[in-house]
Amino acid sequence: NNACENKIRPTALGRKNYLFAGSHDAAQRAAMIYSFFAMCKIEEVNPQQWLKFVFDHIMETNIQKIKELLPKNYKLSLAINQDK
């Protein structure tokens, strides 16, 4: 039970923090960023390195290929680059 509670605690804290975001749109943006960082944690990706990668590549990425910037795909691209 403690392990489960420890895993959901950050989500519950995040939900509480969204109440004070200032507006509905700001709360949605905060939730999106929070979700991206949660994906980084699941994929065992450094969020700061991933975010730098996104900022470096977002302008040259076609909108149809935007999913390539997700943490999961970033991790795969790192693995491919290490094999080269």
PDB file of N, CA and C in Angstrom:
ATOM      1  N   ASN A   1       0.815  -1.188   0.000  1.00  0.00           N
ATOM      2  CA  ASN A   1       0.000   0.000   0.000  1.00  0.00           C
ATOM      3  C   ASN A   1       0.865   1.261   0.000  1.00  0.00           C
ATOM      4  N   ASN A   2       1.935   1.284   0.777  1.00  0.00           N
ATOM      5  CA  ASN A   2       2.808   2.461   0.804  1.00  0.00           C
ATOM      6  C   ASN A   2       3.454   2.730  -0.543  1.00  0.00           C
ATOM      7  N   ALA A   3       3.857   1.663  -1.229  1.00  0.00           N
ATOM      8  CA  ALA A   3       4.481   1.848  -2.545  1.00  0.00           C
ATOM      9  C   ALA A   3       3.502   2.508  -3.512  1.00  0.00           C
ATOM     10  N   CYS A   4       2.273   2.052  -3.484  1.00  0.00           N
ATOM     11  CA  CYS A   4       1.243   2.632  -4.361  1.00  0.00           C
ATOM     12  C   CYS A   4       0.991   4.091  -3.995  1.00  0.00           C
ATOM     13  N   GLU A   5       0.880   4.376  -2.723  1.00  0.00           N
ATOM     14  CA  GLU A   5       0.644   5.752  -2.288  1.00  0.00           C
ATOM     15  C   GLU A   5       1.804   6.667  -2.661  1.00  0.00           C
ATOM     16  N   ASN A   6       3.015   6.157  -2.561  1.00  0.00           N
ATOM     17  CA  ASN A   6       4.178   6.962  -2.929  1.00  0.00           C
ATOM     18  C   ASN A   6       4.197   7.287  -4.415  1.00  0.00           C
ATOM     19  N   LYS A   7       3.679   6.380  -5.237  1.00  0.00           N
ATOM     20  CA  LYS A   7       3.664   6.623  -6.676  1.00  0.00           C
ATOM     21  C   LYS A   7       2.606   7.644  -7.075  1.00  0.00           C
ATOM     22  N   ILE A   8       1.483   7.672  -6.376  1.00  0.00           N
ATOM     23  CA  ILE A   8       0.414   8.594  -6.773  1.00  0.00           C
ATOM     24  C   ILE A   8       0.487   9.937  -6.047  1.00  0.00           C
ATOM     25  N   ARG A   9       1.323  10.054  -5.031  1.00  0.00           N
ATOM     26  CA  ARG A   9       1.419  11.302  -4.272  1.00  0.00           C
ATOM     27  C   ARG A   9       1.785  12.501  -5.160  1.00  0.00           C
ATOM     28  N   PRO A  10       2.786  12.392  -6.034  1.00  0.00           N
ATOM     29  CA  PRO A  10       3.108  13.561  -6.876  1.00  0.00           C
ATOM     30  C   PRO A  10       1.929  14.015  -7.739  1.00  0.00           C
ATOM     31  N   THR A  11       1.136  13.067  -8.218  1.00  0.00           N
ATOM     32  CA  THR A  11      -0.026  13.431  -9.026  1.00  0.00           C
ATOM     33  C   THR A  11      -1.042  14.191  -8.192  1.00  0.00           C
ATOM     34  N   ALA A  12      -1.274  13.718  -6.983  1.00  0.00           N
ATOM     35  CA  ALA A  12      -2.228  14.396  -6.105  1.00  0.00           C
ATOM     36  C   ALA A  12      -1.731  15.802  -5.753  1.00  0.00           C
ATOM     37  N   LEU A  13      -0.444  15.949  -5.503  1.00  0.00           N
ATOM     38  CA  LEU A  13       0.103  17.275  -5.211  1.00  0.00           C
ATOM     39  C   LEU A  13      -0.012  18.189  -6.420  1.00  0.00           C
ATOM     40  N   GLY A  14       0.243  17.626  -7.588  1.00  0.00           N
ATOM     41  CA  GLY A  14       0.121  18.402  -8.820  1.00  0.00           C
ATOM     42  C   GLY A  14      -1.293  18.911  -9.016  1.00  0.00           C
ATOM     43  N   ARG A  15      -2.272  18.025  -8.791  1.00  0.00           N
ATOM     44  CA  ARG A  15      -3.667  18.425  -8.932  1.00  0.00           C
ATOM     45  C   ARG A  15      -4.005  19.589  -8.005  1.00  0.00           C
ATOM     46  N   LYS A  16      -3.498  19.528  -6.793  1.00  0.00           N
ATOM     47  CA  LYS A  16      -3.752  20.608  -5.832  1.00  0.00           C
ATOM     48  C   LYS A  16      -3.092  21.912  -6.313  1.00  0.00           C
ATOM     49  N   ASN A  17      -1.896  21.804  -6.865  1.00  0.00           N
ATOM     50  CA  ASN A  17      -1.196  22.999  -7.351  1.00  0.00           C
ATOM     51  C   ASN A  17      -1.883  23.630  -8.550  1.00  0.00           C
ATOM     52  N   TYR A  18      -2.576  22.842  -9.369  1.00  0.00           N
ATOM     53  CA  TYR A  18      -3.248  23.385 -10.548  1.00  0.00           C
ATOM     54  C   TYR A  18      -4.359  24.347 -10.156  1.00  0.00           C
ATOM     55  N   LEU A  19      -4.876  24.219  -8.939  1.00  0.00           N
ATOM     56  CA  LEU A  19      -5.925  25.124  -8.479  1.00  0.00           C
ATOM     57  C   LEU A  19      -5.428  26.562  -8.397  1.00  0.00           C
ATOM     58  N   PHE A  20      -4.122  26.730  -8.251  1.00  0.00           N
ATOM     59  CA  PHE A  20      -3.547  28.061  -8.060  1.00  0.00           C
ATOM     60  C   PHE A  20      -2.741  28.519  -9.273  1.00  0.00           C
ATOM     61  N   ALA A  21      -3.062  28.005 -10.437  1.00  0.00           N
ATOM     62  CA  ALA A  21      -2.307  28.323 -11.650  1.00  0.00           C
ATOM     63  C   ALA A  21      -2.646  29.701 -12.200  1.00  0.00           C
ATOM     64  N   GLY A  22      -3.753  30.273 -11.799  1.00  0.00           N
ATOM     65  CA  GLY A  22      -4.112  31.604 -12.262  1.00  0.00           C
ATOM     66  C   GLY A  22      -5.225  31.607 -13.284  1.00  0.00           C
ATOM     67  N   SER A  23      -5.258  30.612 -14.150  1.00  0.00           N
ATOM     68  CA  SER A  23      -6.335  30.502 -15.130  1.00  0.00           C
ATOM     69  C   SER A  23      -6.437  29.043 -15.570  1.00  0.00           C
ATOM     70  N   HIS A  24      -7.536  28.755 -16.243  1.00  0.00           N
ATOM     71  CA  HIS A  24      -7.747  27.393 -16.729  1.00  0.00           C
ATOM     72  C   HIS A  24      -6.667  27.003 -17.742  1.00  0.00           C
ATOM     73  N   ASP A  25      -6.345  27.923 -18.653  1.00  0.00           N
ATOM     74  CA  ASP A  25      -5.316  27.642 -19.661  1.00  0.00           C
ATOM     75  C   ASP A  25      -3.955  27.389 -19.026  1.00  0.00           C
ATOM     76  N   ALA A  26      -3.610  28.187 -18.023  1.00  0.00           N
ATOM     77  CA  ALA A  26      -2.329  28.002 -17.344  1.00  0.00           C
ATOM     78  C   ALA A  26      -2.292  26.661 -16.627  1.00  0.00           C
ATOM     79  N   ALA A  27      -3.409  26.250 -16.040  1.00  0.00           N
ATOM     80  CA  ALA A  27      -3.474  24.951 -15.368  1.00  0.00           C
ATOM     81  C   ALA A  27      -3.301  23.820 -16.370  1.00  0.00           C
ATOM     82  N   GLN A  28      -3.894  23.955 -17.562  1.00  0.00           N
ATOM     83  CA  GLN A  28      -3.726  22.927 -18.590  1.00  0.00           C
ATOM     84  C   GLN A  28      -2.272  22.840 -19.050  1.00  0.00           C
ATOM     85  N   ARG A  29      -1.627  23.987 -19.222  1.00  0.00           N
ATOM     86  CA  ARG A  29      -0.216  23.975 -19.627  1.00  0.00           C
ATOM     87  C   ARG A  29       0.661  23.348 -18.541  1.00  0.00           C
ATOM     88  N   ALA A  30       0.378  23.683 -17.294  1.00  0.00           N
ATOM     89  CA  ALA A  30       1.136  23.094 -16.182  1.00  0.00           C
ATOM     90  C   ALA A  30       0.943  21.582 -16.139  1.00  0.00           C
ATOM     91  N   ALA A  31      -0.276  21.141 -16.370  1.00  0.00           N
ATOM     92  CA  ALA A  31      -0.555  19.702 -16.377  1.00  0.00           C
ATOM     93  C   ALA A  31       0.187  19.008 -17.512  1.00  0.00           C
ATOM     94  N   MET A  32       0.273  19.674 -18.666  1.00  0.00           N
ATOM     95  CA  MET A  32       1.009  19.097 -19.797  1.00  0.00           C
ATOM     96  C   MET A  32       2.489  18.932 -19.470  1.00  0.00           C
ATOM     97  N   ILE A  33       3.096  19.978 -18.935  1.00  0.00           N
ATOM     98  CA  ILE A  33       4.513  19.922 -18.574  1.00  0.00           C
ATOM     99  C   ILE A  33       4.737  18.847 -17.515  1.00  0.00           C
ATOM    100  N   TYR A  34       3.855  18.809 -16.539  1.00  0.00           N
ATOM    101  CA  TYR A  34       3.933  17.802 -15.480  1.00  0.00           C
ATOM    102  C   TYR A  34       3.883  16.395 -16.087  1.00  0.00           C
ATOM    103  N   SER A  35       3.006  16.192 -17.074  1.00  0.00           N
ATOM    104  CA  SER A  35       2.885  14.889 -17.741  1.00  0.00           C
ATOM    105  C   SER A  35       4.155  14.537 -18.502  1.00  0.00           C
ATOM    106  N   PHE A  36       4.738  15.524 -19.186  1.00  0.00           N
ATOM    107  CA  PHE A  36       5.985  15.265 -19.905  1.00  0.00           C
ATOM    108  C   PHE A  36       7.089  14.830 -18.953  1.00  0.00           C
ATOM    109  N   PHE A  37       7.186  15.512 -17.811  1.00  0.00           N
ATOM    110  CA  PHE A  37       8.218  15.146 -16.840  1.00  0.00           C
ATOM    111  C   PHE A  37       7.934  13.782 -16.216  1.00  0.00           C
ATOM    112  N   ALA A  38       6.671  13.435 -16.056  1.00  0.00           N
ATOM    113  CA  ALA A  38       6.318  12.100 -15.568  1.00  0.00           C
ATOM    114  C   ALA A  38       6.725  11.048 -16.585  1.00  0.00           C
ATOM    115  N   MET A  39       6.542  11.355 -17.882  1.00  0.00           N
ATOM    116  CA  MET A  39       6.985  10.422 -18.927  1.00  0.00           C
ATOM    117  C   MET A  39       8.498  10.252 -18.884  1.00  0.00           C
ATOM    118  N   CYS A  40       9.220  11.340 -18.634  1.00  0.00           N
ATOM    119  CA  CYS A  40      10.678  11.255 -18.515  1.00  0.00           C
ATOM    120  C   CYS A  40      11.059  10.314 -17.375  1.00  0.00           C
ATOM    121  N   LYS A  41      10.357  10.430 -16.277  1.00  0.00           N
ATOM    122  CA  LYS A  41      10.651   9.578 -15.130  1.00  0.00           C
ATOM    123  C   LYS A  41      10.393   8.113 -15.466  1.00  0.00           C
ATOM    124  N   ILE A  42       9.287   7.838 -16.141  1.00  0.00           N
ATOM    125  CA  ILE A  42       8.953   6.467 -16.521  1.00  0.00           C
ATOM    126  C   ILE A  42       9.998   5.898 -17.475  1.00  0.00           C
ATOM    127  N   GLU A  43      10.428   6.706 -18.429  1.00  0.00           N
ATOM    128  CA  GLU A  43      11.399   6.263 -19.433  1.00  0.00           C
ATOM    129  C   GLU A  43      12.844   6.346 -18.940  1.00  0.00           C
ATOM    130  N   GLU A  44      13.026   6.834 -17.712  1.00  0.00           N
ATOM    131  CA  GLU A  44      14.357   7.007 -17.122  1.00  0.00           C
ATOM    132  C   GLU A  44      15.229   7.921 -17.983  1.00  0.00           C
ATOM    133  N   VAL A  45      14.647   9.050 -18.346  1.00  0.00           N
ATOM    134  CA  VAL A  45      15.309  10.062 -19.161  1.00  0.00           C
ATOM    135  C   VAL A  45      15.512  11.297 -18.290  1.00  0.00           C
ATOM    136  N   ASN A  46      16.670  11.915 -18.409  1.00  0.00           N
ATOM    137  CA  ASN A  46      16.932  13.157 -17.688  1.00  0.00           C
ATOM    138  C   ASN A  46      16.037  14.255 -18.267  1.00  0.00           C
ATOM    139  N   PRO A  47      15.118  14.813 -17.462  1.00  0.00           N
ATOM    140  CA  PRO A  47      14.194  15.815 -17.999  1.00  0.00           C
ATOM    141  C   PRO A  47      14.884  17.060 -18.555  1.00  0.00           C
ATOM    142  N   GLN A  48      15.968  17.475 -17.934  1.00  0.00           N
ATOM    143  CA  GLN A  48      16.664  18.669 -18.411  1.00  0.00           C
ATOM    144  C   GLN A  48      17.293  18.411 -19.779  1.00  0.00           C
ATOM    145  N   GLN A  49      17.907  17.254 -19.957  1.00  0.00           N
ATOM    146  CA  GLN A  49      18.497  16.921 -21.255  1.00  0.00           C
ATOM    147  C   GLN A  49      17.422  16.761 -22.318  1.00  0.00           C
ATOM    148  N   TRP A  50      16.292  16.148 -21.950  1.00  0.00           N
ATOM    149  CA  TRP A  50      15.202  15.967 -22.898  1.00  0.00           C
ATOM    150  C   TRP A  50      14.641  17.312 -23.330  1.00  0.00           C
ATOM    151  N   LEU A  51      14.438  18.210 -22.365  1.00  0.00           N
ATOM    152  CA  LEU A  51      13.885  19.522 -22.678  1.00  0.00           C
ATOM    153  C   LEU A  51      14.830  20.317 -23.582  1.00  0.00           C
ATOM    154  N   LYS A  52      16.123  20.209 -23.336  1.00  0.00           N
ATOM    155  CA  LYS A  52      17.112  20.870 -24.205  1.00  0.00           C
ATOM    156  C   LYS A  52      17.023  20.304 -25.622  1.00  0.00           C
ATOM    157  N   PHE A  53      16.906  18.979 -25.725  1.00  0.00           N
ATOM    158  CA  PHE A  53      16.759  18.319 -27.024  1.00  0.00           C
ATOM    159  C   PHE A  53      15.518  18.846 -27.754  1.00  0.00           C
ATOM    160  N   VAL A  54      14.403  18.957 -27.036  1.00  0.00           N
ATOM    161  CA  VAL A  54      13.159  19.441 -27.636  1.00  0.00           C
ATOM    162  C   VAL A  54      13.335  20.868 -28.137  1.00  0.00           C
ATOM    163  N   PHE A  55      13.894  21.744 -27.303  1.00  0.00           N
ATOM    164  CA  PHE A  55      14.077  23.130 -27.713  1.00  0.00           C
ATOM    165  C   PHE A  55      15.032  23.257 -28.899  1.00  0.00           C
ATOM    166  N   ASP A  56      16.024  22.380 -28.959  1.00  0.00           N
ATOM    167  CA  ASP A  56      16.975  22.413 -30.069  1.00  0.00           C
ATOM    168  C   ASP A  56      16.368  21.914 -31.381  1.00  0.00           C
ATOM    169  N   HIS A  57      15.373  21.021 -31.307  1.00  0.00           N
ATOM    170  CA  HIS A  57      14.861  20.370 -32.510  1.00  0.00           C
ATOM    171  C   HIS A  57      13.424  20.724 -32.885  1.00  0.00           C
ATOM    172  N   ILE A  58      12.718  21.435 -32.056  1.00  0.00           N
ATOM    173  CA  ILE A  58      11.289  21.651 -32.322  1.00  0.00           C
ATOM    174  C   ILE A  58      11.037  22.481 -33.583  1.00  0.00           C
ATOM    175  N   MET A  59      11.888  23.431 -33.884  1.00  0.00           N
ATOM    176  CA  MET A  59      11.661  24.283 -35.050  1.00  0.00           C
ATOM    177  C   MET A  59      11.864  23.543 -36.370  1.00  0.00           C
ATOM    178  N   GLU A  60      12.705  22.532 -36.357  1.00  0.00           N
ATOM    179  CA  GLU A  60      12.966  21.798 -37.602  1.00  0.00           C
ATOM    180  C   GLU A  60      12.121  20.534 -37.721  1.00  0.00           C
ATOM    181  N   THR A  61      11.263  20.279 -36.746  1.00  0.00           N
ATOM    182  CA  THR A  61      10.434  19.079 -36.755  1.00  0.00           C
ATOM    183  C   THR A  61       9.093  19.379 -37.402  1.00  0.00           C
ATOM    184  N   ASN A  62       8.728  18.558 -38.383  1.00  0.00           N
ATOM    185  CA  ASN A  62       7.451  18.673 -39.063  1.00  0.00           C
ATOM    186  C   ASN A  62       6.341  18.333 -38.073  1.00  0.00           C
ATOM    187  N   ILE A  63       5.204  19.002 -38.173  1.00  0.00           N
ATOM    188  CA  ILE A  63       4.110  18.791 -37.235  1.00  0.00           C
ATOM    189  C   ILE A  63       3.618  17.338 -37.263  1.00  0.00           C
ATOM    190  N   GLN A  64       3.709  16.665 -38.399  1.00  0.00           N
ATOM    191  CA  GLN A  64       3.299  15.264 -38.472  1.00  0.00           C
ATOM    192  C   GLN A  64       4.269  14.344 -37.729  1.00  0.00           C
ATOM    193  N   LYS A  65       5.466  14.830 -37.457  1.00  0.00           N
ATOM    194  CA  LYS A  65       6.479  14.018 -36.770  1.00  0.00           C
ATOM    195  C   LYS A  65       6.776  14.534 -35.361  1.00  0.00           C
ATOM    196  N   ILE A  66       5.858  15.317 -34.818  1.00  0.00           N
ATOM    197  CA  ILE A  66       6.083  15.935 -33.509  1.00  0.00           C
ATOM    198  C   ILE A  66       6.228  14.886 -32.401  1.00  0.00           C
ATOM    199  N   LYS A  67       5.624  13.714 -32.594  1.00  0.00           N
ATOM    200  CA  LYS A  67       5.719  12.645 -31.590  1.00  0.00           C
ATOM    201  C   LYS A  67       7.148  12.138 -31.425  1.00  0.00           C
ATOM    202  N   GLU A  68       7.997  12.403 -32.402  1.00  0.00           N
ATOM    203  CA  GLU A  68       9.397  12.000 -32.289  1.00  0.00           C
ATOM    204  C   GLU A  68      10.116  12.723 -31.158  1.00  0.00           C
ATOM    205  N   LEU A  69       9.538  13.818 -30.683  1.00  0.00           N
ATOM    206  CA  LEU A  69      10.162  14.590 -29.609  1.00  0.00           C
ATOM    207  C   LEU A  69       9.746  14.119 -28.217  1.00  0.00           C
ATOM    208  N   LEU A  70       8.839  13.167 -28.130  1.00  0.00           N
ATOM    209  CA  LEU A  70       8.414  12.655 -26.828  1.00  0.00           C
ATOM    210  C   LEU A  70       9.567  11.936 -26.131  1.00  0.00           C
ATOM    211  N   PRO A  71       9.552  11.890 -24.805  1.00  0.00           N
ATOM    212  CA  PRO A  71      10.653  11.254 -24.060  1.00  0.00           C
ATOM    213  C   PRO A  71      10.946   9.817 -24.486  1.00  0.00           C
ATOM    214  N   LYS A  72       9.908   9.058 -24.796  1.00  0.00           N
ATOM    215  CA  LYS A  72      10.102   7.662 -25.223  1.00  0.00           C
ATOM    216  C   LYS A  72      10.936   7.594 -26.499  1.00  0.00           C
ATOM    217  N   ASN A  73      10.591   8.425 -27.467  1.00  0.00           N
ATOM    218  CA  ASN A  73      11.313   8.433 -28.737  1.00  0.00           C
ATOM    219  C   ASN A  73      12.692   9.068 -28.601  1.00  0.00           C
ATOM    220  N   TYR A  74      12.818  10.023 -27.695  1.00  0.00           N
ATOM    221  CA  TYR A  74      14.139  10.608 -27.399  1.00  0.00           C
ATOM    222  C   TYR A  74      15.080   9.532 -26.872  1.00  0.00           C
ATOM    223  N   LYS A  75      14.563   8.686 -25.988  1.00  0.00           N
ATOM    224  CA  LYS A  75      15.379   7.598 -25.442  1.00  0.00           C
ATOM    225  C   LYS A  75      15.814   6.640 -26.549  1.00  0.00           C
ATOM    226  N   LEU A  76      14.906   6.343 -27.476  1.00  0.00           N
ATOM    227  CA  LEU A  76      15.257   5.472 -28.597  1.00  0.00           C
ATOM    228  C   LEU A  76      16.317   6.109 -29.483  1.00  0.00           C
ATOM    229  N   SER A  77      16.212   7.407 -29.711  1.00  0.00           N
ATOM    230  CA  SER A  77      17.214   8.089 -30.545  1.00  0.00           C
ATOM    231  C   SER A  77      18.569   8.102 -29.867  1.00  0.00           C
ATOM    232  N   LEU A  78      18.590   8.210 -28.532  1.00  0.00           N
ATOM    233  CA  LEU A  78      19.855   8.127 -27.796  1.00  0.00           C
ATOM    234  C   LEU A  78      20.487   6.757 -27.964  1.00  0.00           C
ATOM    235  N   ALA A  79      19.667   5.718 -27.888  1.00  0.00           N
ATOM    236  CA  ALA A  79      20.178   4.348 -28.021  1.00  0.00           C
ATOM    237  C   ALA A  79      20.733   4.120 -29.422  1.00  0.00           C
ATOM    238  N   ILE A  80      20.047   4.650 -30.430  1.00  0.00           N
ATOM    239  CA  ILE A  80      20.509   4.497 -31.812  1.00  0.00           C
ATOM    240  C   ILE A  80      21.829   5.233 -32.009  1.00  0.00           C
ATOM    241  N   ASN A  81      21.940   6.438 -31.465  1.00  0.00           N
ATOM    242  CA  ASN A  81      23.170   7.225 -31.611  1.00  0.00           C
ATOM    243  C   ASN A  81      24.353   6.591 -30.866  1.00  0.00           C
ATOM    244  N   GLN A  82      24.084   5.878 -29.775  1.00  0.00           N
ATOM    245  CA  GLN A  82      25.161   5.218 -29.051  1.00  0.00           C
ATOM    246  C   GLN A  82      25.673   4.002 -29.805  1.00  0.00           C
ATOM    247  N   ASP A  83      24.793   3.373 -30.592  1.00  0.00           N
ATOM    248  CA  ASP A  83      25.193   2.195 -31.366  1.00  0.00           C
ATOM    249  C   ASP A  83      26.064   2.564 -32.569  1.00  0.00           C
ATOM    250  N   LYS A  84      25.984   3.806 -33.009  1.00  0.00           N
ATOM    251  CA  LYS A  84      26.757   4.230 -34.193  1.00  0.00           C
ATOM    252  C   LYS A  84      28.206   4.443 -33.854  1.00  0.00           C
TER     253      LYS A  84
END
